[in-house]
C-alpha atoms as a PDB file:
ATOM      1  CA  MET A   1     111.194  70.262  92.878  1.00  0.00           C
ATOM      2  CA  GLY A   2     110.389  71.665  96.320  1.00  0.00           C
ATOM      3  CA  MET A   3     107.734  74.213  97.184  1.00  0.00           C
ATOM      4  CA  ARG A   4     106.376  76.252  94.262  1.00  0.00           C
ATOM      5  CA  ILE A   5     105.254  79.761  95.190  1.00  0.00           C
ATOM      6  CA  GLY A   6     103.246  82.195  93.084  1.00  0.00           C
ATOM      7  CA  LEU A   7     103.171  85.883  94.079  1.00  0.00           C
ATOM      8  CA  MET A   8     100.122  87.614  92.598  1.00  0.00           C
ATOM      9  CA  GLY A   9      99.435  91.285  91.985  1.00  0.00           C
ATOM     10  CA  LEU A  10      99.425  94.162  89.520  1.00  0.00           C
ATOM     11  CA  GLU A  11     102.534  93.952  87.334  1.00  0.00           C
ATOM     12  CA  ASP A  12     103.526  97.564  87.932  1.00  0.00           C
ATOM     13  CA  ASN A  13     103.230  97.171  91.704  1.00  0.00           C
ATOM     14  CA  PHE A  14     106.252  94.841  91.722  1.00  0.00           C
ATOM     15  CA  VAL A  15     108.577  97.837  91.385  1.00  0.00           C
ATOM     16  CA  ARG A  16     111.039  99.580  93.662  1.00  0.00           C
ATOM     17  CA  ASN A  17     110.973 103.227  92.601  1.00  0.00           C
ATOM     18  CA  THR A  18     107.425 104.350  93.391  1.00  0.00           C
ATOM     19  CA  GLY A  19     108.172 105.560  96.914  1.00  0.00           C
ATOM     20  CA  LEU A  20     105.037 103.729  98.069  1.00  0.00           C
ATOM     21  CA  GLY A  21     105.236 101.174 100.856  1.00  0.00           C
ATOM     22  CA  ILE A  22     103.239  98.295  99.358  1.00  0.00           C
ATOM     23  CA  PRO A  23     105.035  98.151  95.964  1.00  0.00           C
ATOM     24  CA  VAL A  24     108.374  98.254  97.799  1.00  0.00           C
ATOM     25  CA  TYR A  25     107.207  95.347  99.980  1.00  0.00           C
ATOM     26  CA  MET A  26     106.070  93.374  96.908  1.00  0.00           C
ATOM     27  CA  TYR A  27     109.323  94.030  95.031  1.00  0.00           C
ATOM     28  CA  GLU A  28     111.609  93.186  97.960  1.00  0.00           C
ATOM     29  CA  LEU A  29     109.663  90.074  98.951  1.00  0.00           C
ATOM     30  CA  LEU A  30     109.853  88.689  95.410  1.00  0.00           C
ATOM     31  CA  LYS A  31     113.530  89.591  95.122  1.00  0.00           C
ATOM     32  CA  HIS A  32     114.609  88.026  98.415  1.00  0.00           C
ATOM     33  CA  LEU A  33     112.481  84.892  98.109  1.00  0.00           C
ATOM     34  CA  ARG A  34     114.101  84.302  94.722  1.00  0.00           C
ATOM     35  CA  LYS A  35     117.540  84.653  96.331  1.00  0.00           C
ATOM     36  CA  MET A  36     116.678  81.638  98.504  1.00  0.00           C
ATOM     37  CA  GLU A  37     115.567  79.383  95.631  1.00  0.00           C
ATOM     38  CA  GLY A  38     118.779  77.319  95.373  1.00  0.00           C
ATOM     39  CA  LYS A  39     119.423  77.047  99.095  1.00  0.00           C
ATOM     40  CA  GLU A  40     115.845  76.282 100.106  1.00  0.00           C
ATOM     41  CA  GLY A  41     114.821  74.233  97.067  1.00  0.00           C
ATOM     42  CA  ILE A  42     111.868  76.493  96.271  1.00  0.00           C
ATOM     43  CA  LYS A  43     110.612  78.008  93.029  1.00  0.00           C
ATOM     44  CA  VAL A  44     109.177  81.536  93.134  1.00  0.00           C
ATOM     45  CA  GLU A  45     107.181  82.988  90.244  1.00  0.00           C
ATOM     46  CA  LYS A  46     105.470  86.320  89.701  1.00  0.00           C
ATOM     47  CA  ILE A  47     101.855  86.247  88.487  1.00  0.00           C
ATOM     48  CA  GLY A  48     101.460  89.811  87.305  1.00  0.00           C
ATOM     49  CA  TYR A  49      98.308  91.392  85.952  1.00  0.00           C
ATOM     50  CA  GLU A  50      98.563  94.268  83.509  1.00  0.00           C
ATOM     51  CA  ARG A  51      97.102  97.566  84.621  1.00  0.00           C
ATOM     52  CA  GLN A  52      94.221  98.627  82.396  1.00  0.00           C
ATOM     53  CA  ARG A  53      93.241 102.087  81.156  1.00  0.00           C
ATOM     54  CA  ASN A  54      91.751 103.036  84.535  1.00  0.00           C
ATOM     55  CA  GLU A  55      91.392 101.703  88.064  1.00  0.00           C
ATOM     56  CA  LEU A  56      87.922 100.240  87.557  1.00  0.00           C
ATOM     57  CA  ALA A  57      89.029  98.372  84.416  1.00  0.00           C
ATOM     58  CA  SER A  58      92.079  97.049  86.289  1.00  0.00           C
ATOM     59  CA  PHE A  59      89.804  95.905  89.108  1.00  0.00           C
ATOM     60  CA  ILE A  60      87.448  94.051  86.742  1.00  0.00           C
ATOM     61  CA  ASN A  61      90.355  92.473  84.857  1.00  0.00           C
ATOM     62  CA  MET A  62      92.012  91.138  88.014  1.00  0.00           C
ATOM     63  CA  VAL A  63      88.783  89.783  89.478  1.00  0.00           C
ATOM     64  CA  PHE A  64      87.875  88.086  86.188  1.00  0.00           C
ATOM     65  CA  LYS A  65      91.293  86.533  85.628  1.00  0.00           C
ATOM     66  CA  SER A  66      91.736  85.360  89.206  1.00  0.00           C
ATOM     67  CA  ALA A  67      88.311  83.690  89.038  1.00  0.00           C
ATOM     68  CA  THR A  68      88.801  82.000  85.662  1.00  0.00           C
ATOM     69  CA  GLU A  69      92.494  81.118  85.299  1.00  0.00           C
ATOM     70  CA  TYR A  70      93.827  77.830  86.677  1.00  0.00           C
ATOM     71  CA  TYR A  71      96.736  77.825  89.133  1.00  0.00           C
ATOM     72  CA  GLY A  72      96.972  74.120  89.877  1.00  0.00           C
ATOM     73  CA  ASN A  73     100.777  73.837  89.797  1.00  0.00           C
ATOM     74  CA  TYR A  74     101.480  75.909  92.922  1.00  0.00           C
ATOM     75  CA  ASP A  75     101.797  74.958  96.578  1.00  0.00           C
ATOM     76  CA  ILE A  76     101.410  78.560  97.779  1.00  0.00           C
ATOM     77  CA  LEU A  77      99.497  81.348  96.058  1.00  0.00           C
ATOM     78  CA  HIS A  78     100.235  84.599  97.845  1.00  0.00           C
ATOM     79  CA  ASN A  79      98.660  87.996  97.182  1.00  0.00           C
ATOM     80  CA  PRO A  80     100.988  90.599  98.780  1.00  0.00           C
ATOM     81  CA  ASP A  81      99.084  93.396  96.988  1.00  0.00           C
ATOM     82  CA  VAL A  82      95.962  95.191  98.241  1.00  0.00           C
ATOM     83  CA  LYS A  83      94.107  94.641  94.972  1.00  0.00           C
ATOM     84  CA  PRO A  84      91.142  92.228  94.968  1.00  0.00           C
ATOM     85  CA  ILE A  85      92.391  88.804  93.943  1.00  0.00           C
ATOM     86  CA  PHE A  86      90.663  85.603  94.987  1.00  0.00           C
ATOM     87  CA  PRO A  87      91.665  82.699  92.722  1.00  0.00           C
ATOM     88  CA  ARG A  88      88.877  80.141  92.672  1.00  0.00           C
ATOM     89  CA  ASN A  89      90.654  77.661  90.371  1.00  0.00           C
ATOM     90  CA  ARG A  90      93.739  77.126  92.482  1.00  0.00           C
ATOM     91  CA  GLY A  91      93.993  73.349  92.661  1.00  0.00           C
ATOM     92  CA  ARG A  92      95.799  72.183  95.792  1.00  0.00           C
ATOM     93  CA  ALA A  93      97.436  75.546  96.473  1.00  0.00           C
ATOM     94  CA  VAL A  94      97.142  77.216  99.866  1.00  0.00           C
ATOM     95  CA  TYR A  95      95.926  80.784  99.322  1.00  0.00           C
ATOM     96  CA  VAL A  96      97.570  83.517 101.404  1.00  0.00           C
ATOM     97  CA  SER A  97      96.933  87.270 101.573  1.00  0.00           C
ATOM     98  CA  THR A  98      99.031  89.967 103.201  1.00  0.00           C
ATOM     99  CA  GLY A  99      97.046  92.107 105.626  1.00  0.00           C
ATOM    100  CA  HIS A 100      98.486  95.627 105.493  1.00  0.00           C
ATOM    101  CA  ASP A 101      95.814  97.390 107.541  1.00  0.00           C
ATOM    102  CA  TYR A 102      92.037  97.282 108.022  1.00  0.00           C
ATOM    103  CA  GLN A 103      91.321 100.940 108.792  1.00  0.00           C
ATOM    104  CA  PRO A 104      88.808 101.399 105.906  1.00  0.00           C
ATOM    105  CA  LEU A 105      86.642  98.663 107.441  1.00  0.00           C
ATOM    106  CA  LEU A 106      87.093  99.504 111.128  1.00  0.00           C
ATOM    107  CA  GLN A 107      87.365 103.310 111.040  1.00  0.00           C
ATOM    108  CA  PRO A 108      85.729 104.385 107.747  1.00  0.00           C
ATOM    109  CA  GLU A 109      85.315 107.948 109.033  1.00  0.00           C
ATOM    110  CA  LEU A 110      89.057 108.450 108.420  1.00  0.00           C
ATOM    111  CA  ASP A 111      88.398 108.106 104.679  1.00  0.00           C
ATOM    112  CA  ALA A 112      86.283 111.255 104.509  1.00  0.00           C
ATOM    113  CA  ASP A 113      88.921 112.996 102.392  1.00  0.00           C
ATOM    114  CA  VAL A 114      88.778 110.315  99.650  1.00  0.00           C
ATOM    115  CA  ASN A 115      85.007 109.919  99.727  1.00  0.00           C
ATOM    116  CA  THR A 116      84.172 113.150  97.945  1.00  0.00           C
ATOM    117  CA  THR A 117      83.151 112.188  94.384  1.00  0.00           C
ATOM    118  CA  ILE A 118      81.158 109.381  92.759  1.00  0.00           C
ATOM    119  CA  LYS A 119      84.368 107.999  91.210  1.00  0.00           C
ATOM    120  CA  SER A 120      86.230 108.037  94.524  1.00  0.00           C
ATOM    121  CA  ARG A 121      83.285 106.417  96.317  1.00  0.00           C
ATOM    122  CA  ILE A 122      83.194 103.594  93.789  1.00  0.00           C
ATOM    123  CA  LYS A 123      86.949 103.119  94.162  1.00  0.00           C
ATOM    124  CA  LEU A 124      86.686 103.126  97.947  1.00  0.00           C
ATOM    125  CA  LEU A 125      83.831 100.634  97.915  1.00  0.00           C
ATOM    126  CA  LEU A 126      85.147  98.213  95.285  1.00  0.00           C
ATOM    127  CA  GLU A 127      88.910  98.521  95.079  1.00  0.00           C
ATOM    128  CA  ILE A 128      89.620  99.087  98.772  1.00  0.00           C
ATOM    129  CA  ARG A 129      86.860  97.799 101.053  1.00  0.00           C
ATOM    130  CA  TYR A 130      85.847  94.862  98.862  1.00  0.00           C
ATOM    131  CA  SER A 131      89.504  93.955  98.442  1.00  0.00           C
ATOM    132  CA  LEU A 132      90.059  93.969 102.200  1.00  0.00           C
ATOM    133  CA  LYS A 133      87.018  91.762 102.718  1.00  0.00           C
ATOM    134  CA  LEU A 134      88.403  89.305 100.157  1.00  0.00           C
ATOM    135  CA  THR A 135      91.632  88.952 102.151  1.00  0.00           C
ATOM    136  CA  LEU A 136      89.484  87.653 105.013  1.00  0.00           C
ATOM    137  CA  LYS A 137      88.421  84.741 102.780  1.00  0.00           C
ATOM    138  CA  SER A 138      92.015  83.528 102.419  1.00  0.00           C
ATOM    139  CA  ASP A 139      93.274  80.282 103.906  1.00  0.00           C
ATOM    140  CA  TYR A 140      95.905  82.220 105.850  1.00  0.00           C
ATOM    141  CA  LEU A 141      96.929  85.817 106.496  1.00  0.00           C
ATOM    142  CA  LEU A 142     100.383  87.333 106.739  1.00  0.00           C
ATOM    143  CA  ALA A 143      99.808  90.377 108.968  1.00  0.00           C
ATOM    144  CA  ARG A 144     102.323  93.227 108.759  1.00  0.00           C
ATOM    145  CA  SER A 145     101.941  93.939 112.489  1.00  0.00           C
ATOM    146  CA  THR A 146     100.324  92.739 115.697  1.00  0.00           C
ATOM    147  CA  LEU A 147      97.728  95.519 115.313  1.00  0.00           C
ATOM    148  CA  THR A 148      96.766  94.258 111.846  1.00  0.00           C
ATOM    149  CA  ARG A 149      96.520  90.731 113.254  1.00  0.00           C
ATOM    150  CA  ASP A 150      94.233  91.894 116.063  1.00  0.00           C
ATOM    151  CA  ASP A 151      92.094  93.907 113.641  1.00  0.00           C
ATOM    152  CA  ALA A 152      91.682  90.864 111.370  1.00  0.00           C
ATOM    153  CA  VAL A 153      90.582  88.815 114.383  1.00  0.00           C
ATOM    154  CA  GLU A 154      88.079  91.542 115.297  1.00  0.00           C
ATOM    155  CA  LEU A 155      86.694  91.207 111.768  1.00  0.00           C
ATOM    156  CA  GLY A 156      86.226  87.473 112.252  1.00  0.00           C
ATOM    157  CA  PHE A 157      89.425  85.834 110.950  1.00  0.00           C
ATOM    158  CA  ASP A 158      90.778  82.810 112.847  1.00  0.00           C
ATOM    159  CA  LYS A 159      93.796  83.986 114.889  1.00  0.00           C
ATOM    160  CA  SER A 160      95.474  80.577 114.594  1.00  0.00           C
ATOM    161  CA  ARG A 161      95.689  81.100 110.811  1.00  0.00           C
ATOM    162  CA  ILE A 162      97.529  84.424 111.018  1.00  0.00           C
ATOM    163  CA  PHE A 163     101.311  84.863 110.938  1.00  0.00           C
ATOM    164  CA  VAL A 164     102.817  88.224 111.864  1.00  0.00           C
ATOM    165  CA  VAL A 165     105.685  89.143 109.531  1.00  0.00           C
ATOM    166  CA  GLY A 166     106.677  92.794 109.784  1.00  0.00           C
ATOM    167  CA  GLY A 167     108.368  95.144 107.371  1.00  0.00           C
ATOM    168  CA  ALA A 168     111.950  96.144 106.831  1.00  0.00           C
ATOM    169  CA  VAL A 169     114.158  99.198 106.536  1.00  0.00           C
ATOM    170  CA  ASP A 170     115.975  99.663 103.265  1.00  0.00           C
ATOM    171  CA  ASP A 171     119.780  99.349 103.326  1.00  0.00           C
ATOM    172  CA  ARG A 172     120.297 103.021 102.478  1.00  0.00           C
ATOM    173  CA  TYR A 173     118.953 104.005 105.928  1.00  0.00           C
ATOM    174  CA  ARG A 174     121.826 102.068 107.515  1.00  0.00           C
ATOM    175  CA  LYS A 175     124.573 104.218 106.036  1.00  0.00           C
ATOM    176  CA  PRO A 176     126.601 106.348 108.481  1.00  0.00           C
ATOM    177  CA  ILE A 177     124.920 109.465 109.796  1.00  0.00           C
ATOM    178  CA  ARG A 178     126.709 112.703 109.156  1.00  0.00           C
ATOM    179  CA  LYS A 179     127.297 114.777 112.254  1.00  0.00           C
ATOM    180  CA  ARG A 180     124.471 117.308 112.471  1.00  0.00           C
ATOM    181  CA  LYS A 181     125.392 120.945 112.456  1.00  0.00           C
ATOM    182  CA  THR A 182     124.871 122.656 115.764  1.00  0.00           C
ATOM    183  CA  GLY A 183     123.206 126.026 115.655  1.00  0.00           C
ATOM    184  CA  LYS A 184     120.197 128.035 116.669  1.00  0.00           C
ATOM    185  CA  THR A 185     117.759 126.397 114.236  1.00  0.00           C
ATOM    186  CA  PHE A 186     116.035 123.180 115.320  1.00  0.00           C
ATOM    187  CA  THR A 187     114.117 121.497 112.481  1.00  0.00           C
ATOM    188  CA  VAL A 188     111.116 119.292 113.143  1.00  0.00           C
ATOM    189  CA  GLY A 189     110.030 117.257 110.125  1.00  0.00           C
ATOM    190  CA  TYR A 190     107.004 115.447 108.776  1.00  0.00           C
ATOM    191  CA  LEU A 191     107.176 113.228 105.703  1.00  0.00           C
ATOM    192  CA  GLY A 192     104.038 111.558 104.338  1.00  0.00           C
ATOM    193  CA  ALA A 193     100.579 112.104 102.902  1.00  0.00           C
ATOM    194  CA  PHE A 194      98.267 114.950 103.878  1.00  0.00           C
ATOM    195  CA  ARG A 195      95.394 112.538 104.495  1.00  0.00           C
ATOM    196  CA  THR A 196      92.762 113.005 107.223  1.00  0.00           C
ATOM    197  CA  ARG A 197      94.027 109.947 109.042  1.00  0.00           C
ATOM    198  CA  LYS A 198      97.563 111.367 109.157  1.00  0.00           C
ATOM    199  CA  ASN A 199      96.285 114.080 111.525  1.00  0.00           C
ATOM    200  CA  VAL A 200      98.811 116.668 110.317  1.00  0.00           C
ATOM    201  CA  ALA A 201      96.606 119.512 111.538  1.00  0.00           C
ATOM    202  CA  PHE A 202      97.298 118.324 115.100  1.00  0.00           C
ATOM    203  CA  ALA A 203     101.035 118.822 114.559  1.00  0.00           C
ATOM    204  CA  ILE A 204     100.573 122.265 112.971  1.00  0.00           C
ATOM    205  CA  ARG A 205      98.381 123.444 115.865  1.00  0.00           C
ATOM    206  CA  SER A 206     100.992 122.093 118.274  1.00  0.00           C
ATOM    207  CA  PHE A 207     103.752 123.919 116.459  1.00  0.00           C
ATOM    208  CA  LYS A 208     101.840 127.216 116.571  1.00  0.00           C
ATOM    209  CA  LYS A 209     101.936 126.998 120.374  1.00  0.00           C
ATOM    210  CA  ILE A 210     105.742 127.225 120.295  1.00  0.00           C
ATOM    211  CA  ASP A 211     107.092 130.749 120.793  1.00  0.00           C
ATOM    212  CA  ASP A 212     110.697 129.911 119.899  1.00  0.00           C
ATOM    213  CA  ARG A 213     111.150 131.226 116.320  1.00  0.00           C
ATOM    214  CA  ASN A 214     114.322 129.149 115.945  1.00  0.00           C
ATOM    215  CA  ILE A 215     112.227 126.001 115.831  1.00  0.00           C
ATOM    216  CA  ARG A 216     110.872 125.368 112.351  1.00  0.00           C
ATOM    217  CA  PHE A 217     108.534 122.755 110.922  1.00  0.00           C
ATOM    218  CA  ASP A 218     109.264 121.243 107.479  1.00  0.00           C
ATOM    219  CA  LEU A 219     106.450 119.245 105.879  1.00  0.00           C
ATOM    220  CA  TRP A 220     107.149 117.005 102.878  1.00  0.00           C
ATOM    221  CA  GLY A 221     104.374 115.475 100.757  1.00  0.00           C
ATOM    222  CA  LYS A 222     102.320 115.825  97.592  1.00  0.00           C
ATOM    223  CA  PRO A 223      99.974 118.857  97.587  1.00  0.00           C
ATOM    224  CA  VAL A 224      96.755 116.823  97.593  1.00  0.00           C
ATOM    225  CA  TYR A 225      93.969 115.789 100.015  1.00  0.00           C
ATOM    226  CA  GLU A 226      94.026 118.269 102.960  1.00  0.00           C
ATOM    227  CA  TYR A 227      96.992 120.265 101.661  1.00  0.00           C
ATOM    228  CA  ASP A 228      95.096 123.523 101.012  1.00  0.00           C
ATOM    229  CA  MET A 229      93.377 123.392 104.396  1.00  0.00           C
ATOM    230  CA  LEU A 230      96.710 122.787 106.128  1.00  0.00           C
ATOM    231  CA  ARG A 231      98.303 125.735 104.328  1.00  0.00           C
ATOM    232  CA  ARG A 232      95.470 127.949 105.552  1.00  0.00           C
ATOM    233  CA  LEU A 233      95.871 126.574 109.072  1.00  0.00           C
ATOM    234  CA  ALA A 234      99.596 127.364 109.037  1.00  0.00           C
ATOM    235  CA  GLY A 235      98.732 130.928 108.075  1.00  0.00           C
ATOM    236  CA  ASN A 236     101.662 133.286 107.552  1.00  0.00           C
ATOM    237  CA  ARG A 237     103.916 131.521 110.052  1.00  0.00           C
ATOM    238  CA  ARG A 238     107.261 131.604 108.235  1.00  0.00           C
ATOM    239  CA  SER A 239     108.738 128.828 110.327  1.00  0.00           C
ATOM    240  CA  ILE A 240     106.141 126.349 108.961  1.00  0.00           C
ATOM    241  CA  ARG A 241     107.421 125.353 105.528  1.00  0.00           C
ATOM    242  CA  PHE A 242     105.702 123.121 102.977  1.00  0.00           C
ATOM    243  CA  ARG A 243     108.561 121.617 100.988  1.00  0.00           C
ATOM    244  CA  GLY A 244     106.679 119.648  98.322  1.00  0.00           C
ATOM    245  CA  PHE A 245     106.991 116.034  97.162  1.00  0.00           C
ATOM    246  CA  ALA A 246     109.906 114.063  98.605  1.00  0.00           C
ATOM    247  CA  PRO A 247     111.810 112.374  95.721  1.00  0.00           C
ATOM    248  CA  GLU A 248     112.734 108.759  96.436  1.00  0.00           C
ATOM    249  CA  GLU A 249     116.442 109.377  95.793  1.00  0.00           C
ATOM    250  CA  ARG A 250     116.501 112.191  98.391  1.00  0.00           C
ATOM    251  CA  MET A 251     114.693 110.442 101.243  1.00  0.00           C
ATOM    252  CA  VAL A 252     117.740 109.798 103.419  1.00  0.00           C
ATOM    253  CA  ASP A 253     118.998 113.371 102.987  1.00  0.00           C
ATOM    254  CA  ILE A 254     115.559 114.714 103.908  1.00  0.00           C
ATOM    255  CA  TYR A 255     115.458 112.669 107.117  1.00  0.00           C
ATOM    256  CA  ASP A 256     118.993 113.860 107.881  1.00  0.00           C
ATOM    257  CA  SER A 257     117.861 117.481 107.554  1.00  0.00           C
ATOM    258  CA  PHE A 258     115.592 116.992 110.590  1.00  0.00           C
ATOM    259  CA  ASP A 259     116.478 117.205 114.267  1.00  0.00           C
ATOM    260  CA  ALA A 260     113.205 115.501 115.247  1.00  0.00           C
ATOM    261  CA  PHE A 261     110.408 113.718 113.391  1.00  0.00           C
ATOM    262  CA  VAL A 262     106.672 114.008 114.080  1.00  0.00           C
ATOM    263  CA  PHE A 263     104.115 111.517 112.821  1.00  0.00           C
ATOM    264  CA  PRO A 264     100.757 112.345 114.441  1.00  0.00           C
ATOM    265  CA  SER A 265      98.744 109.773 112.442  1.00  0.00           C
ATOM    266  CA  LEU A 266      95.548 108.368 113.970  1.00  0.00           C
ATOM    267  CA  TYR A 267      95.950 104.866 112.512  1.00  0.00           C
ATOM    268  CA  GLU A 268      98.872 102.941 111.006  1.00  0.00           C
ATOM    269  CA  GLY A 269      99.044  99.273 110.080  1.00  0.00           C
ATOM    270  CA  LEU A 270     102.846  99.305 110.420  1.00  0.00           C
ATOM    271  CA  CYS A 271     104.338 102.750 109.543  1.00  0.00           C
ATOM    272  CA  LEU A 272     107.738 102.421 107.894  1.00  0.00           C
ATOM    273  CA  PRO A 273     108.496 106.194 108.181  1.00  0.00           C
ATOM    274  CA  ILE A 274     108.818 105.778 111.949  1.00  0.00           C
ATOM    275  CA  PHE A 275     111.343 102.941 111.507  1.00  0.00           C
ATOM    276  CA  GLU A 276     113.224 104.971 108.892  1.00  0.00           C
ATOM    277  CA  ALA A 277     113.428 107.926 111.284  1.00  0.00           C
ATOM    278  CA  TYR A 278     114.643 105.604 114.068  1.00  0.00           C
ATOM    279  CA  ALA A 279     117.328 104.269 111.724  1.00  0.00           C
ATOM    280  CA  ARG A 280     118.561 107.807 111.033  1.00  0.00           C
ATOM    281  CA  GLY A 281     118.895 108.529 114.749  1.00  0.00           C
ATOM    282  CA  LEU A 282     115.889 110.837 115.075  1.00  0.00           C
ATOM    283  CA  PRO A 283     113.570 111.207 118.059  1.00  0.00           C
ATOM    284  CA  VAL A 284     110.022 110.419 116.885  1.00  0.00           C
ATOM    285  CA  ILE A 285     106.898 112.035 118.342  1.00  0.00           C
ATOM    286  CA  ILE A 286     103.458 110.472 117.816  1.00  0.00           C
ATOM    287  CA  TYR A 287      99.934 111.056 119.113  1.00  0.00           C
ATOM    288  CA  LYS A 288      99.423 108.920 122.216  1.00  0.00           C
ATOM    289  CA  ASP A 289      95.845 107.841 121.413  1.00  0.00           C
ATOM    290  CA  ALA A 290      96.687 106.737 117.865  1.00  0.00           C
ATOM    291  CA  ARG A 291      96.197 103.134 116.766  1.00  0.00           C
ATOM    292  CA  ILE A 292      99.826 102.314 115.978  1.00  0.00           C
ATOM    293  CA  PRO A 293     101.369  98.864 116.623  1.00  0.00           C
ATOM    294  CA  GLU A 294     103.269  98.429 119.864  1.00  0.00           C
ATOM    295  CA  GLU A 295     106.337  97.184 118.004  1.00  0.00           C
ATOM    296  CA  THR A 296     106.370 100.435 116.001  1.00  0.00           C
ATOM    297  CA  ARG A 297     105.752 102.910 118.797  1.00  0.00           C
ATOM    298  CA  LYS A 298     108.028 101.359 121.438  1.00  0.00           C
ATOM    299  CA  TYR A 299     110.717 104.082 121.228  1.00  0.00           C
ATOM    300  CA  CYS A 300     108.453 107.032 120.363  1.00  0.00           C
ATOM    301  CA  PHE A 301     107.665 110.078 122.482  1.00  0.00           C
ATOM    302  CA  GLU A 302     103.884 110.051 122.897  1.00  0.00           C
ATOM    303  CA  ALA A 303     102.063 113.382 122.987  1.00  0.00           C
ATOM    304  CA  GLU A 304      98.810 113.412 124.938  1.00  0.00           C
ATOM    305  CA  ASN A 305      97.591 116.638 123.345  1.00  0.00           C
ATOM    306  CA  GLU A 306      98.797 119.578 121.264  1.00  0.00           C
ATOM    307  CA  VAL A 307     100.323 121.450 124.226  1.00  0.00           C
ATOM    308  CA  HIS A 308     102.185 118.295 125.258  1.00  0.00           C
ATOM    309  CA  MET A 309     103.607 117.814 121.739  1.00  0.00           C
ATOM    310  CA  ALA A 310     104.839 121.416 121.735  1.00  0.00           C
ATOM    311  CA  ARG A 311     106.501 120.849 125.114  1.00  0.00           C
ATOM    312  CA  ILE A 312     108.228 117.639 123.919  1.00  0.00           C
ATOM    313  CA  ILE A 313     109.650 119.507 120.902  1.00  0.00           C
ATOM    314  CA  GLU A 314     110.973 122.325 123.079  1.00  0.00           C
ATOM    315  CA  GLU A 315     112.522 119.867 125.545  1.00  0.00           C
ATOM    316  CA  LEU A 316     114.262 117.987 122.740  1.00  0.00           C
ATOM    317  CA  LYS A 317     115.727 121.245 121.451  1.00  0.00           C
ATOM    318  CA  HIS A 318     117.035 122.345 124.824  1.00  0.00           C
ATOM    319  CA  GLU A 319     117.894 119.017 126.490  1.00  0.00           C
ATOM    320  CA  GLY A 320     118.746 116.829 123.496  1.00  0.00           C
ATOM    321  CA  TYR A 321     117.882 113.223 122.663  1.00  0.00           C
ATOM    322  CA  GLU A 322     119.080 110.721 125.230  1.00  0.00           C
ATOM    323  CA  GLU A 323     121.923 108.712 123.665  1.00  0.00           C
ATOM    324  CA  ARG A 324     120.851 105.363 125.164  1.00  0.00           C
ATOM    325  CA  ARG A 325     117.312 105.663 123.839  1.00  0.00           C
ATOM    326  CA  LYS A 326     118.610 106.794 120.458  1.00  0.00           C
ATOM    327  CA  LYS A 327     120.958 103.794 120.158  1.00  0.00           C
ATOM    328  CA  LYS A 328     118.237 101.312 121.102  1.00  0.00           C
ATOM    329  CA  ALA A 329     115.869 102.728 118.497  1.00  0.00           C
ATOM    330  CA  MET A 330     118.575 102.789 115.812  1.00  0.00           C
ATOM    331  CA  ASP A 331     119.718  99.223 116.470  1.00  0.00           C
ATOM    332  CA  TYR A 332     116.123  98.015 116.507  1.00  0.00           C
ATOM    333  CA  ALA A 333     115.207  99.635 113.172  1.00  0.00           C
ATOM    334  CA  ARG A 334     118.446  98.715 111.450  1.00  0.00           C
ATOM    335  CA  GLY A 335     117.902  95.078 112.418  1.00  0.00           C
ATOM    336  CA  LEU A 336     114.726  94.957 110.316  1.00  0.00           C
ATOM    337  CA  THR A 337     116.005  93.634 106.975  1.00  0.00           C
ATOM    338  CA  TRP A 338     114.266  92.329 103.853  1.00  0.00           C
ATOM    339  CA  GLU A 339     116.284  89.122 104.195  1.00  0.00           C
ATOM    340  CA  LYS A 340     114.684  88.592 107.605  1.00  0.00           C
ATOM    341  CA  THR A 341     111.202  89.378 106.239  1.00  0.00           C
ATOM    342  CA  ALA A 342     111.657  86.863 103.397  1.00  0.00           C
ATOM    343  CA  LYS A 343     112.949  84.146 105.750  1.00  0.00           C
ATOM    344  CA  GLU A 344     110.027  84.645 108.141  1.00  0.00           C
ATOM    345  CA  THR A 345     107.593  84.583 105.203  1.00  0.00           C
ATOM    346  CA  LEU A 346     109.053  81.298 103.920  1.00  0.00           C
ATOM    347  CA  ALA A 347     108.910  79.815 107.438  1.00  0.00           C
ATOM    348  CA  ALA A 348     105.220  80.778 107.564  1.00  0.00           C
ATOM    349  CA  TYR A 349     104.591  79.124 104.162  1.00  0.00           C
ATOM    350  CA  LYS A 350     106.112  75.890 105.451  1.00  0.00           C
ATOM    351  CA  LYS A 351     103.892  75.900 108.527  1.00  0.00           C
ATOM    352  CA  MET A 352     100.821  76.550 106.375  1.00  0.00           C
ATOM    353  CA  LEU A 353     101.594  73.461 104.315  1.00  0.00           C
END
């Protein structure tokens, strides 16, 4: 038998239908590595931990099991999850963690919105920050972006033991784009969480500087975190519409309802929504001073301030999205496949061994 690989994580994080980026990554990585088993002579197994009655119990269970169970039959033990796993009884196996992003360690002030109760503080301290610190004790890191790689190095990890393997765009975003209806209304969209770090207030303030009432702003996301504050900020502006949670099965249609996409986040380890918007032919506007990987932001319009973002939106409505730039962004995003991610991950495993 060739290389034996164990992928570790919470059992219910190896699923496709959550709409969350990390479970999708875990599911697709497992699926596509298994597709290569016959051709590559590898064996891929899932080491799934059951979720307990609450997050703290799940945390304790995973830490206990990973410290006490023996994994001596593997060549690679890989934790693609963000939960705290550090198997001490791993025999000859090389231990690998995926680095998704290190914002909670490097810019903890952006977690102010989840640091409001004793329970949330314990979760932030143990489940998130402690987990991230454990990844830095791995033999190797698979970083989702060059920014995540550089952040891990800043935190003390050896750069020579990091492999950058990015994300992918799901096949559904590659389907043909219906011709958009031409008319007076120009829809700018946001799709994501209403977290402090997402900086949605910046986009709302920018939008309120636009006098053209035929430009509207549709915001999709769960009504949690800063949602109430953002509703108050939007005031009675009818052209700013909070549309609610975006169901997974409607994601492509939601992107296709936009004429432009804004993602003013302050920090992103990779940011799949930007690639998804690229793949659907949308111009993407970000905040220029945000910490977003170069490979993600390369085709974005970068707003220096709120007035500048408003001006970019108005120019896109009146002048359109340059076809050459649009095609480059689409081709780039649509070339990011899960098959490619799995092949690059396997190539990294081989180099580690």
